[in-house]
Amino acid sequence: MIHWNLSGGIVHRGILLPFIDALEVANIVLSVHDGFSGLPWCGGRESGSTIEPAVLDEVLEQYRRRGVGFNLLFSNHLLGPEDLGNEYGNLLLEKLHDERNGVVVCDTVLADYVRERYPKYQLIRSVVQAYLDKVIYSRPDAIVRYFQEKVRYYDRVVVPSELNLRFGVLDQLDKSKLEFLVNNNCFWHCPFAVKHYTQIAHGFKSAGGSPTRVCIAEKEALGLGRDRLLEHLRKYDAVLNDGAKPIKKIKQGQRITLKKSWLKPEQVGLMQRKGCVHFKVQGRDADPRAFEETLRLMVVAHDV
C-alpha cells in the first residue's frame, strides 16, 4: 500500500477533491496537508491558506467522507513555550484531533505539546529540521544513526530530497516510517536552505506571512554571489549544461541551469519497488494547472 500526502488541502481543494474521486489506481492511501495564514506555528516554503471557519468545517468533512486524512503544517522551528497558547493553533488541533490526521512539526516544544495533549495525531517530523541539522552532509553511517533516532519518537520522518535515491543509506532504515518529497521546489544541495527556512519562520511569527517566496539560490545565481554558489553546487553535480549533464568547469559565456530536486516518475516507481511507501507532493502556491499535472505525473502515471 502506497501513501501519498498531497499539498494544498485547502487552497487546492477544487482540484484535489475531483482528483481523489476520479483516481482509479489500486493500493493507494491519500492524505492532504496545508498551512494557515496568520498562524505563527506555520513554516516551510509556502504561504498559509485563508479560509472561513464554516467553510473549513465543510472542507474537512469532504475529506473525511473520502477517508482522506488532513495534516497540519506547524513546522516553524523558532517556537518556544510562550507560543503554545496560540488560540488559533489550539482550535485547529482540537478540531482535527483524529487518528487519520497528522501534525507536521520540527524538534520544538510544539512536538512534545502535541504528543502529550493530542495523542491521536500522527506526529510527522518536518524536512525543515533535517535541513537545519545539515544531515545531507554527514557520513553515511551518521545519516543512518540520525534517522534511526528520529523514527523512535516520530510516527513519520520526512527525508531531504538529496537522500531520495541513496539506497545505501535507506536500505538500513525502516522505510515504512520515512516520507519522501518527490518535487522539492528548491535546488539540489541549495546552500541557502537554512537561511531561507529561518527567514520564512520569522515571517510567520512576526506578521503571519512569509517574507521570502523566491529561492535564495535563484537570486544569488544572478547576482554577486554567483561564483561562490556555483562552486558549491558543482561539487554535487548540480550545475548542468544544455543537455542536462553536470558541468565540472564552466566555460566563458556557457549557458547553464541549476538542478532541481524533482524525481522522475520512473524513479518514484523504483523507490516503491525498493520498499518506500510514503511520498509527498508539494505545490500549494503552484499554478493550479501545473499542480494538477504534477499530481497526474507522480501519483497516476508513475511506473511501479
C-alpha atoms as a PDB file:
ATOM      1  CA  MET A   1       0.000   0.000   0.000  1.00  0.00           C
ATOM      2  CA  ILE A   2       1.443   3.370  -1.081  1.00  0.00           C
ATOM      3  CA  HIS A   3       0.579   6.550   0.823  1.00  0.00           C
ATOM      4  CA  TRP A   4       0.545   9.923  -0.956  1.00  0.00           C
ATOM      5  CA  ASN A   5       0.486  13.150   1.088  1.00  0.00           C
ATOM      6  CA  LEU A   6      -0.809  15.871  -1.251  1.00  0.00           C
ATOM      7  CA  SER A   7      -0.285  19.606  -0.850  1.00  0.00           C
ATOM      8  CA  GLY A   8      -2.943  22.301  -0.808  1.00  0.00           C
ATOM      9  CA  GLY A   9      -5.728  20.573   1.100  1.00  0.00           C
ATOM     10  CA  ILE A  10      -7.346  23.987   1.490  1.00  0.00           C
ATOM     11  CA  VAL A  11      -6.085  26.152  -1.363  1.00  0.00           C
ATOM     12  CA  HIS A  12      -6.246  23.374  -3.998  1.00  0.00           C
ATOM     13  CA  ARG A  13      -9.413  21.676  -2.761  1.00  0.00           C
ATOM     14  CA  GLY A  14     -11.128  22.447  -6.070  1.00  0.00           C
ATOM     15  CA  ILE A  15      -8.518  20.261  -7.764  1.00  0.00           C
ATOM     16  CA  LEU A  16      -7.908  17.655  -5.081  1.00  0.00           C
ATOM     17  CA  LEU A  17     -11.478  16.584  -4.368  1.00  0.00           C
ATOM     18  CA  PRO A  18     -12.332  15.792  -8.033  1.00  0.00           C
ATOM     19  CA  PHE A  19      -8.891  14.201  -8.474  1.00  0.00           C
ATOM     20  CA  ILE A  20      -9.486  11.921  -5.490  1.00  0.00           C
ATOM     21  CA  ASP A  21     -12.944  10.969  -6.753  1.00  0.00           C
ATOM     22  CA  ALA A  22     -11.599  10.095 -10.202  1.00  0.00           C
ATOM     23  CA  LEU A  23      -8.482   8.244  -9.018  1.00  0.00           C
ATOM     24  CA  GLU A  24      -8.503   4.644 -10.218  1.00  0.00           C
ATOM     25  CA  VAL A  25      -5.070   3.489  -9.041  1.00  0.00           C
ATOM     26  CA  ALA A  26      -5.146   0.455  -6.769  1.00  0.00           C
ATOM     27  CA  ASN A  27      -3.398   0.177  -3.389  1.00  0.00           C
ATOM     28  CA  ILE A  28      -3.153   3.913  -2.690  1.00  0.00           C
ATOM     29  CA  VAL A  29      -3.948   5.714   0.570  1.00  0.00           C
ATOM     30  CA  LEU A  30      -4.242   9.515   0.470  1.00  0.00           C
ATOM     31  CA  SER A  31      -3.834  12.383   2.870  1.00  0.00           C
ATOM     32  CA  VAL A  32      -3.598  16.134   2.242  1.00  0.00           C
ATOM     33  CA  HIS A  33      -1.787  18.939   4.028  1.00  0.00           C
ATOM     34  CA  ASP A  34      -1.884  22.716   4.303  1.00  0.00           C
ATOM     35  CA  GLY A  35      -0.874  25.667   6.468  1.00  0.00           C
ATOM     36  CA  PHE A  36      -2.920  28.610   7.682  1.00  0.00           C
ATOM     37  CA  SER A  37      -2.390  32.345   7.300  1.00  0.00           C
ATOM     38  CA  GLY A  38      -1.975  34.379  10.457  1.00  0.00           C
ATOM     39  CA  LEU A  39      -0.710  31.408  12.494  1.00  0.00           C
ATOM     40  CA  PRO A  40       2.854  31.727  13.869  1.00  0.00           C
ATOM     41  CA  TRP A  41       3.147  27.939  14.194  1.00  0.00           C
ATOM     42  CA  CYS A  42       3.364  27.637  10.403  1.00  0.00           C
ATOM     43  CA  GLY A  43       6.629  27.341   8.489  1.00  0.00           C
ATOM     44  CA  GLY A  44       8.070  25.698   5.382  1.00  0.00           C
ATOM     45  CA  ARG A  45       8.495  27.286   1.982  1.00  0.00           C
ATOM     46  CA  GLU A  46       4.872  28.130   1.249  1.00  0.00           C
ATOM     47  CA  SER A  47       2.438  30.794   2.414  1.00  0.00           C
ATOM     48  CA  GLY A  48      -0.580  29.911   4.521  1.00  0.00           C
ATOM     49  CA  SER A  49      -4.151  29.494   3.309  1.00  0.00           C
ATOM     50  CA  THR A  50      -7.041  31.710   4.383  1.00  0.00           C
ATOM     51  CA  ILE A  51     -10.454  30.130   4.941  1.00  0.00           C
ATOM     52  CA  GLU A  52     -13.586  30.931   6.935  1.00  0.00           C
ATOM     53  CA  PRO A  53     -14.267  28.550   9.863  1.00  0.00           C
ATOM     54  CA  ALA A  54     -17.602  27.320   8.463  1.00  0.00           C
ATOM     55  CA  VAL A  55     -16.027  26.619   5.075  1.00  0.00           C
ATOM     56  CA  LEU A  56     -13.108  24.851   6.743  1.00  0.00           C
ATOM     57  CA  ASP A  57     -15.517  22.528   8.552  1.00  0.00           C
ATOM     58  CA  GLU A  58     -17.179  21.611   5.266  1.00  0.00           C
ATOM     59  CA  VAL A  59     -13.839  21.007   3.518  1.00  0.00           C
ATOM     60  CA  LEU A  60     -12.634  18.774   6.343  1.00  0.00           C
ATOM     61  CA  GLU A  61     -15.899  16.837   6.195  1.00  0.00           C
ATOM     62  CA  GLN A  62     -15.426  16.345   2.443  1.00  0.00           C
ATOM     63  CA  TYR A  63     -12.035  14.736   3.047  1.00  0.00           C
ATOM     64  CA  ARG A  64     -13.353  12.695   5.985  1.00  0.00           C
ATOM     65  CA  ARG A  65     -16.115  11.210   3.827  1.00  0.00           C
ATOM     66  CA  ARG A  66     -13.490  10.087   1.347  1.00  0.00           C
ATOM     67  CA  GLY A  67     -11.272   8.528   4.004  1.00  0.00           C
ATOM     68  CA  VAL A  68      -8.547  11.120   3.398  1.00  0.00           C
ATOM     69  CA  GLY A  69      -6.514  12.369   6.349  1.00  0.00           C
ATOM     70  CA  PHE A  70      -5.503  16.015   6.883  1.00  0.00           C
ATOM     71  CA  ASN A  71      -2.013  17.009   8.056  1.00  0.00           C
ATOM     72  CA  LEU A  72      -1.500  20.383   9.742  1.00  0.00           C
ATOM     73  CA  LEU A  73       1.712  22.138   8.722  1.00  0.00           C
ATOM     74  CA  PHE A  74       3.045  23.517  12.012  1.00  0.00           C
ATOM     75  CA  SER A  75       6.740  23.392  11.084  1.00  0.00           C
ATOM     76  CA  ASN A  76       8.041  26.703  12.454  1.00  0.00           C
ATOM     77  CA  HIS A  77      11.353  25.843  14.119  1.00  0.00           C
ATOM     78  CA  LEU A  78      11.516  29.085  16.139  1.00  0.00           C
ATOM     79  CA  LEU A  79       8.684  28.224  18.534  1.00  0.00           C
ATOM     80  CA  GLY A  80       9.085  28.497  22.288  1.00  0.00           C
ATOM     81  CA  PRO A  81       6.881  27.800  25.334  1.00  0.00           C
ATOM     82  CA  GLU A  82       5.324  31.260  25.002  1.00  0.00           C
ATOM     83  CA  ASP A  83       3.842  30.256  21.631  1.00  0.00           C
ATOM     84  CA  LEU A  84       1.905  27.208  22.837  1.00  0.00           C
ATOM     85  CA  GLY A  85      -1.107  29.218  23.956  1.00  0.00           C
ATOM     86  CA  ASN A  86      -1.949  30.419  20.450  1.00  0.00           C
ATOM     87  CA  GLU A  87      -5.741  30.298  20.236  1.00  0.00           C
ATOM     88  CA  TYR A  88      -5.991  29.625  16.506  1.00  0.00           C
ATOM     89  CA  GLY A  89      -3.450  26.798  16.598  1.00  0.00           C
ATOM     90  CA  ASN A  90      -5.125  25.085  19.538  1.00  0.00           C
ATOM     91  CA  LEU A  91      -8.527  25.452  17.890  1.00  0.00           C
ATOM     92  CA  LEU A  92      -7.227  23.624  14.820  1.00  0.00           C
ATOM     93  CA  LEU A  93      -5.641  20.916  16.969  1.00  0.00           C
ATOM     94  CA  GLU A  94      -8.956  20.363  18.759  1.00  0.00           C
ATOM     95  CA  LYS A  95     -10.940  20.376  15.512  1.00  0.00           C
ATOM     96  CA  LEU A  96      -8.816  17.779  13.689  1.00  0.00           C
ATOM     97  CA  HIS A  97      -7.816  15.500  16.581  1.00  0.00           C
ATOM     98  CA  ASP A  98      -8.259  12.118  14.902  1.00  0.00           C
ATOM     99  CA  GLU A  99      -6.104   9.047  14.179  1.00  0.00           C
ATOM    100  CA  ARG A 100      -6.320   9.661  10.430  1.00  0.00           C
ATOM    101  CA  ASN A 101      -4.825  13.150  10.739  1.00  0.00           C
ATOM    102  CA  GLY A 102      -1.306  14.364  11.430  1.00  0.00           C
ATOM    103  CA  VAL A 103       0.727  17.342  12.594  1.00  0.00           C
ATOM    104  CA  VAL A 104       3.987  18.252  10.856  1.00  0.00           C
ATOM    105  CA  VAL A 105       6.454  19.763  13.349  1.00  0.00           C
ATOM    106  CA  CYS A 106      10.115  20.482  13.956  1.00  0.00           C
ATOM    107  CA  ASP A 107      12.028  19.446  17.082  1.00  0.00           C
ATOM    108  CA  THR A 108      10.477  22.160  19.262  1.00  0.00           C
ATOM    109  CA  VAL A 109       8.232  22.386  22.292  1.00  0.00           C
ATOM    110  CA  LEU A 110       5.259  22.036  19.939  1.00  0.00           C
ATOM    111  CA  ALA A 111       6.222  18.437  19.118  1.00  0.00           C
ATOM    112  CA  ASP A 112       6.112  17.464  22.799  1.00  0.00           C
ATOM    113  CA  TYR A 113       2.934  19.503  23.313  1.00  0.00           C
ATOM    114  CA  VAL A 114       1.075  17.701  20.529  1.00  0.00           C
ATOM    115  CA  ARG A 115       2.324  14.279  21.641  1.00  0.00           C
ATOM    116  CA  GLU A 116       1.159  14.862  25.215  1.00  0.00           C
ATOM    117  CA  ARG A 117      -2.132  16.707  24.704  1.00  0.00           C
ATOM    118  CA  TYR A 118      -3.310  15.382  21.341  1.00  0.00           C
ATOM    119  CA  PRO A 119      -2.074  11.767  21.247  1.00  0.00           C
ATOM    120  CA  LYS A 120      -4.385  10.611  18.440  1.00  0.00           C
ATOM    121  CA  TYR A 121      -2.411  12.558  15.841  1.00  0.00           C
ATOM    122  CA  GLN A 122       0.318  11.058  13.701  1.00  0.00           C
ATOM    123  CA  LEU A 123       3.353  13.142  14.611  1.00  0.00           C
ATOM    124  CA  ILE A 124       5.366  13.912  11.474  1.00  0.00           C
ATOM    125  CA  ARG A 125       8.857  15.384  11.610  1.00  0.00           C
ATOM    126  CA  SER A 126       9.276  18.133   9.034  1.00  0.00           C
ATOM    127  CA  VAL A 127      12.020  18.044   6.418  1.00  0.00           C
ATOM    128  CA  VAL A 128      12.829  21.577   7.616  1.00  0.00           C
ATOM    129  CA  GLN A 129      14.505  20.114  10.702  1.00  0.00           C
ATOM    130  CA  ALA A 130      16.699  17.758   8.676  1.00  0.00           C
ATOM    131  CA  TYR A 131      17.954  20.682   6.598  1.00  0.00           C
ATOM    132  CA  LEU A 132      18.569  22.723   9.743  1.00  0.00           C
ATOM    133  CA  ASP A 133      20.665  19.818  11.057  1.00  0.00           C
ATOM    134  CA  LYS A 134      22.547  19.651   7.709  1.00  0.00           C
ATOM    135  CA  VAL A 135      22.245  15.871   7.770  1.00  0.00           C
ATOM    136  CA  ILE A 136      22.762  15.550   4.000  1.00  0.00           C
ATOM    137  CA  TYR A 137      26.415  16.497   4.500  1.00  0.00           C
ATOM    138  CA  SER A 138      27.075  13.812   7.124  1.00  0.00           C
ATOM    139  CA  ARG A 139      28.832  10.493   6.569  1.00  0.00           C
ATOM    140  CA  PRO A 140      26.513   7.626   5.543  1.00  0.00           C
ATOM    141  CA  ASP A 141      26.790   5.866   8.913  1.00  0.00           C
ATOM    142  CA  ALA A 142      25.949   9.121  10.709  1.00  0.00           C
ATOM    143  CA  ILE A 143      22.910   9.650   8.463  1.00  0.00           C
ATOM    144  CA  VAL A 144      21.677   6.170   9.322  1.00  0.00           C
ATOM    145  CA  ARG A 145      22.058   6.775  13.073  1.00  0.00           C
ATOM    146  CA  TYR A 146      20.355  10.158  12.735  1.00  0.00           C
ATOM    147  CA  PHE A 147      17.187   8.747  11.173  1.00  0.00           C
ATOM    148  CA  GLN A 148      17.188   5.666  13.411  1.00  0.00           C
ATOM    149  CA  GLU A 149      16.988   8.029  16.377  1.00  0.00           C
ATOM    150  CA  LYS A 150      14.242  10.207  14.881  1.00  0.00           C
ATOM    151  CA  VAL A 151      11.880   7.366  13.925  1.00  0.00           C
ATOM    152  CA  ARG A 152      11.857   6.228  17.562  1.00  0.00           C
ATOM    153  CA  TYR A 153       9.979   9.399  18.524  1.00  0.00           C
ATOM    154  CA  TYR A 154       8.035  10.358  15.399  1.00  0.00           C
ATOM    155  CA  ASP A 155       5.424   8.352  13.552  1.00  0.00           C
ATOM    156  CA  ARG A 156       6.894   9.537  10.276  1.00  0.00           C
ATOM    157  CA  VAL A 157      10.034  11.459   9.309  1.00  0.00           C
ATOM    158  CA  VAL A 158      10.313  13.462   6.077  1.00  0.00           C
ATOM    159  CA  VAL A 159      13.617  12.890   4.276  1.00  0.00           C
ATOM    160  CA  PRO A 160      15.578  15.605   2.414  1.00  0.00           C
ATOM    161  CA  SER A 161      15.293  15.196  -1.351  1.00  0.00           C
ATOM    162  CA  GLU A 162      19.063  14.757  -1.687  1.00  0.00           C
ATOM    163  CA  LEU A 163      18.685  11.362   0.039  1.00  0.00           C
ATOM    164  CA  ASN A 164      15.767  10.103  -2.055  1.00  0.00           C
ATOM    165  CA  LEU A 165      17.745   7.603  -4.138  1.00  0.00           C
ATOM    166  CA  ARG A 166      20.592   6.836  -1.717  1.00  0.00           C
ATOM    167  CA  PHE A 167      19.655   3.212  -1.124  1.00  0.00           C
ATOM    168  CA  GLY A 168      22.968   2.515   0.579  1.00  0.00           C
ATOM    169  CA  VAL A 169      21.554   4.629   3.423  1.00  0.00           C
ATOM    170  CA  LEU A 170      17.823   3.990   3.014  1.00  0.00           C
ATOM    171  CA  ASP A 171      18.136   0.197   2.945  1.00  0.00           C
ATOM    172  CA  GLN A 172      19.495   0.328   6.501  1.00  0.00           C
ATOM    173  CA  LEU A 173      16.411   2.154   7.770  1.00  0.00           C
ATOM    174  CA  ASP A 174      12.765   1.330   8.425  1.00  0.00           C
ATOM    175  CA  LYS A 175      11.405   2.836   5.207  1.00  0.00           C
ATOM    176  CA  SER A 176       7.810   2.444   6.417  1.00  0.00           C
ATOM    177  CA  LYS A 177       8.431   5.410   8.753  1.00  0.00           C
ATOM    178  CA  LEU A 178      10.079   7.683   6.169  1.00  0.00           C
ATOM    179  CA  GLU A 179       8.334  10.128   3.811  1.00  0.00           C
ATOM    180  CA  PHE A 180       9.895  11.278   0.539  1.00  0.00           C
ATOM    181  CA  LEU A 181       9.200  14.604  -1.159  1.00  0.00           C
ATOM    182  CA  VAL A 182       9.110  13.919  -4.896  1.00  0.00           C
ATOM    183  CA  ASN A 183       9.093  17.519  -6.177  1.00  0.00           C
ATOM    184  CA  ASN A 184      11.085  19.728  -3.838  1.00  0.00           C
ATOM    185  CA  ASN A 185      10.854  23.290  -5.158  1.00  0.00           C
ATOM    186  CA  CYS A 186      14.409  24.098  -4.094  1.00  0.00           C
ATOM    187  CA  PHE A 187      17.640  23.455  -5.959  1.00  0.00           C
ATOM    188  CA  TRP A 188      19.684  20.315  -5.397  1.00  0.00           C
ATOM    189  CA  HIS A 189      22.011  20.876  -2.416  1.00  0.00           C
ATOM    190  CA  CYS A 190      20.927  24.508  -2.103  1.00  0.00           C
ATOM    191  CA  PRO A 191      23.363  26.142   0.368  1.00  0.00           C
ATOM    192  CA  PHE A 192      20.725  28.660   1.454  1.00  0.00           C
ATOM    193  CA  ALA A 193      18.070  26.231   2.732  1.00  0.00           C
ATOM    194  CA  VAL A 194      18.652  27.045   6.413  1.00  0.00           C
ATOM    195  CA  LYS A 195      18.702  30.805   5.788  1.00  0.00           C
ATOM    196  CA  HIS A 196      15.522  30.602   3.710  1.00  0.00           C
ATOM    197  CA  TYR A 197      13.594  28.458   6.191  1.00  0.00           C
ATOM    198  CA  THR A 198      14.645  30.781   9.009  1.00  0.00           C
ATOM    199  CA  GLN A 199      13.505  33.915   7.162  1.00  0.00           C
ATOM    200  CA  ILE A 200      10.143  32.282   6.471  1.00  0.00           C
ATOM    201  CA  ALA A 201       9.798  31.157  10.098  1.00  0.00           C
ATOM    202  CA  HIS A 202      10.487  34.713  11.298  1.00  0.00           C
ATOM    203  CA  GLY A 203       7.897  35.979   8.832  1.00  0.00           C
ATOM    204  CA  PHE A 204       5.164  33.718  10.166  1.00  0.00           C
ATOM    205  CA  LYS A 205       5.996  34.592  13.776  1.00  0.00           C
ATOM    206  CA  SER A 206       6.151  38.340  13.276  1.00  0.00           C
ATOM    207  CA  ALA A 207       3.404  39.025  10.781  1.00  0.00           C
ATOM    208  CA  GLY A 208       1.640  35.782   9.964  1.00  0.00           C
ATOM    209  CA  GLY A 209       3.154  35.571   6.489  1.00  0.00           C
ATOM    210  CA  SER A 210       6.281  34.621   4.584  1.00  0.00           C
ATOM    211  CA  PRO A 211       8.701  37.403   3.539  1.00  0.00           C
ATOM    212  CA  THR A 212      10.763  35.320   1.094  1.00  0.00           C
ATOM    213  CA  ARG A 213       8.913  33.487  -1.643  1.00  0.00           C
ATOM    214  CA  VAL A 214      11.725  33.144  -4.216  1.00  0.00           C
ATOM    215  CA  CYS A 215      14.523  30.632  -3.714  1.00  0.00           C
ATOM    216  CA  ILE A 216      17.608  32.469  -2.480  1.00  0.00           C
ATOM    217  CA  ALA A 217      19.866  30.331  -4.689  1.00  0.00           C
ATOM    218  CA  GLU A 218      17.999  31.523  -7.765  1.00  0.00           C
ATOM    219  CA  LYS A 219      18.606  35.129  -6.762  1.00  0.00           C
ATOM    220  CA  GLU A 220      22.272  34.508  -5.923  1.00  0.00           C
ATOM    221  CA  ALA A 221      22.845  32.867  -9.316  1.00  0.00           C
ATOM    222  CA  LEU A 222      22.018  36.213 -10.929  1.00  0.00           C
ATOM    223  CA  GLY A 223      23.980  38.379  -8.502  1.00  0.00           C
ATOM    224  CA  LEU A 224      27.335  38.942  -6.850  1.00  0.00           C
ATOM    225  CA  GLY A 225      27.288  35.575  -5.091  1.00  0.00           C
ATOM    226  CA  ARG A 226      27.170  33.636  -8.357  1.00  0.00           C
ATOM    227  CA  ASP A 227      30.735  32.256  -8.329  1.00  0.00           C
ATOM    228  CA  ARG A 228      30.561  31.104  -4.707  1.00  0.00           C
ATOM    229  CA  LEU A 229      27.180  29.457  -5.283  1.00  0.00           C
ATOM    230  CA  LEU A 230      28.306  27.647  -8.431  1.00  0.00           C
ATOM    231  CA  GLU A 231      31.472  26.443  -6.717  1.00  0.00           C
ATOM    232  CA  HIS A 232      29.326  24.809  -4.029  1.00  0.00           C
ATOM    233  CA  LEU A 233      26.772  23.304  -6.440  1.00  0.00           C
ATOM    234  CA  ARG A 234      29.394  21.882  -8.818  1.00  0.00           C
ATOM    235  CA  LYS A 235      30.628  19.605  -6.010  1.00  0.00           C
ATOM    236  CA  TYR A 236      27.225  17.894  -6.047  1.00  0.00           C
ATOM    237  CA  ASP A 237      26.742  17.733  -9.840  1.00  0.00           C
ATOM    238  CA  ALA A 238      24.053  20.399  -9.590  1.00  0.00           C
ATOM    239  CA  VAL A 239      25.276  22.738 -12.356  1.00  0.00           C
ATOM    240  CA  LEU A 240      24.011  21.464 -15.707  1.00  0.00           C
ATOM    241  CA  ASN A 241      24.637  22.241 -19.363  1.00  0.00           C
ATOM    242  CA  ASP A 242      22.028  22.468 -22.133  1.00  0.00           C
ATOM    243  CA  GLY A 243      21.932  18.672 -22.295  1.00  0.00           C
ATOM    244  CA  ALA A 244      21.149  18.434 -18.545  1.00  0.00           C
ATOM    245  CA  LYS A 245      24.604  16.942 -17.881  1.00  0.00           C
ATOM    246  CA  PRO A 246      26.729  18.029 -14.882  1.00  0.00           C
ATOM    247  CA  ILE A 247      29.435  20.596 -15.568  1.00  0.00           C
ATOM    248  CA  LYS A 248      32.750  20.439 -13.742  1.00  0.00           C
ATOM    249  CA  LYS A 249      34.232  23.576 -15.310  1.00  0.00           C
ATOM    250  CA  ILE A 250      32.105  26.390 -16.716  1.00  0.00           C
ATOM    251  CA  LYS A 251      33.314  27.995 -19.920  1.00  0.00           C
ATOM    252  CA  GLN A 252      33.006  31.708 -20.531  1.00  0.00           C
ATOM    253  CA  GLY A 253      29.518  32.501 -21.836  1.00  0.00           C
ATOM    254  CA  GLN A 254      28.288  28.905 -21.415  1.00  0.00           C
ATOM    255  CA  ARG A 255      24.565  28.514 -20.726  1.00  0.00           C
ATOM    256  CA  ILE A 256      23.844  26.648 -17.526  1.00  0.00           C
ATOM    257  CA  THR A 257      20.914  25.592 -15.379  1.00  0.00           C
ATOM    258  CA  LEU A 258      20.749  24.586 -11.726  1.00  0.00           C
ATOM    259  CA  LYS A 259      19.500  21.092 -10.932  1.00  0.00           C
ATOM    260  CA  LYS A 260      16.065  20.938  -9.320  1.00  0.00           C
ATOM    261  CA  SER A 261      15.235  18.310  -6.695  1.00  0.00           C
ATOM    262  CA  TRP A 262      12.469  16.558  -8.663  1.00  0.00           C
ATOM    263  CA  LEU A 263      12.184  12.813  -9.049  1.00  0.00           C
ATOM    264  CA  LYS A 264      11.220  11.352 -12.399  1.00  0.00           C
ATOM    265  CA  PRO A 265       8.119   9.113 -12.386  1.00  0.00           C
ATOM    266  CA  GLU A 266      10.268   6.048 -13.104  1.00  0.00           C
ATOM    267  CA  GLN A 267      12.425   6.921 -10.082  1.00  0.00           C
ATOM    268  CA  VAL A 268       9.306   7.087  -7.912  1.00  0.00           C
ATOM    269  CA  GLY A 269       8.423   3.636  -9.192  1.00  0.00           C
ATOM    270  CA  LEU A 270      11.924   2.379  -8.363  1.00  0.00           C
ATOM    271  CA  MET A 271      11.675   3.709  -4.805  1.00  0.00           C
ATOM    272  CA  GLN A 272       8.336   1.983  -4.364  1.00  0.00           C
ATOM    273  CA  ARG A 273       9.787  -1.315  -5.561  1.00  0.00           C
ATOM    274  CA  LYS A 274      12.621  -0.806  -3.073  1.00  0.00           C
ATOM    275  CA  GLY A 275      10.145  -0.611  -0.178  1.00  0.00           C
ATOM    276  CA  CYS A 276       9.465   3.137   0.153  1.00  0.00           C
ATOM    277  CA  VAL A 277       5.767   3.643   0.930  1.00  0.00           C
ATOM    278  CA  HIS A 278       5.216   7.303   1.945  1.00  0.00           C
ATOM    279  CA  PHE A 279       5.504  10.083  -0.652  1.00  0.00           C
ATOM    280  CA  LYS A 280       4.724  13.796  -0.560  1.00  0.00           C
ATOM    281  CA  VAL A 281       3.768  16.207  -3.357  1.00  0.00           C
ATOM    282  CA  GLN A 282       4.287  19.926  -2.672  1.00  0.00           C
ATOM    283  CA  GLY A 283       2.761  22.835  -4.593  1.00  0.00           C
ATOM    284  CA  ARG A 284       0.362  24.907  -2.514  1.00  0.00           C
ATOM    285  CA  ASP A 285       1.462  28.073  -4.293  1.00  0.00           C
ATOM    286  CA  ALA A 286       1.810  26.478  -7.740  1.00  0.00           C
ATOM    287  CA  ASP A 287      -0.391  27.377 -10.693  1.00  0.00           C
ATOM    288  CA  PRO A 288      -3.471  25.125 -10.425  1.00  0.00           C
ATOM    289  CA  ARG A 289      -2.989  23.625 -13.889  1.00  0.00           C
ATOM    290  CA  ALA A 290       0.668  22.883 -13.194  1.00  0.00           C
ATOM    291  CA  PHE A 291      -0.221  21.360  -9.829  1.00  0.00           C
ATOM    292  CA  GLU A 292      -2.857  19.103 -11.380  1.00  0.00           C
ATOM    293  CA  GLU A 293      -0.352  17.955 -13.999  1.00  0.00           C
ATOM    294  CA  THR A 294       2.131  17.122 -11.223  1.00  0.00           C
ATOM    295  CA  LEU A 295      -0.497  15.008  -9.482  1.00  0.00           C
ATOM    296  CA  ARG A 296      -1.130  13.053 -12.668  1.00  0.00           C
ATOM    297  CA  LEU A 297       2.573  12.693 -13.377  1.00  0.00           C
ATOM    298  CA  MET A 298       3.554  11.484  -9.915  1.00  0.00           C
ATOM    299  CA  VAL A 299       0.509   9.774  -8.415  1.00  0.00           C
ATOM    300  CA  VAL A 300      -1.106   8.287 -11.524  1.00  0.00           C
ATOM    301  CA  ALA A 301       1.462   7.864 -14.276  1.00  0.00           C
ATOM    302  CA  HIS A 302       4.491   6.516 -12.401  1.00  0.00           C
ATOM    303  CA  ASP A 303       5.939   3.142 -13.390  1.00  0.00           C
ATOM    304  CA  VAL A 304       5.585   0.832 -10.368  1.00  0.00           C
END
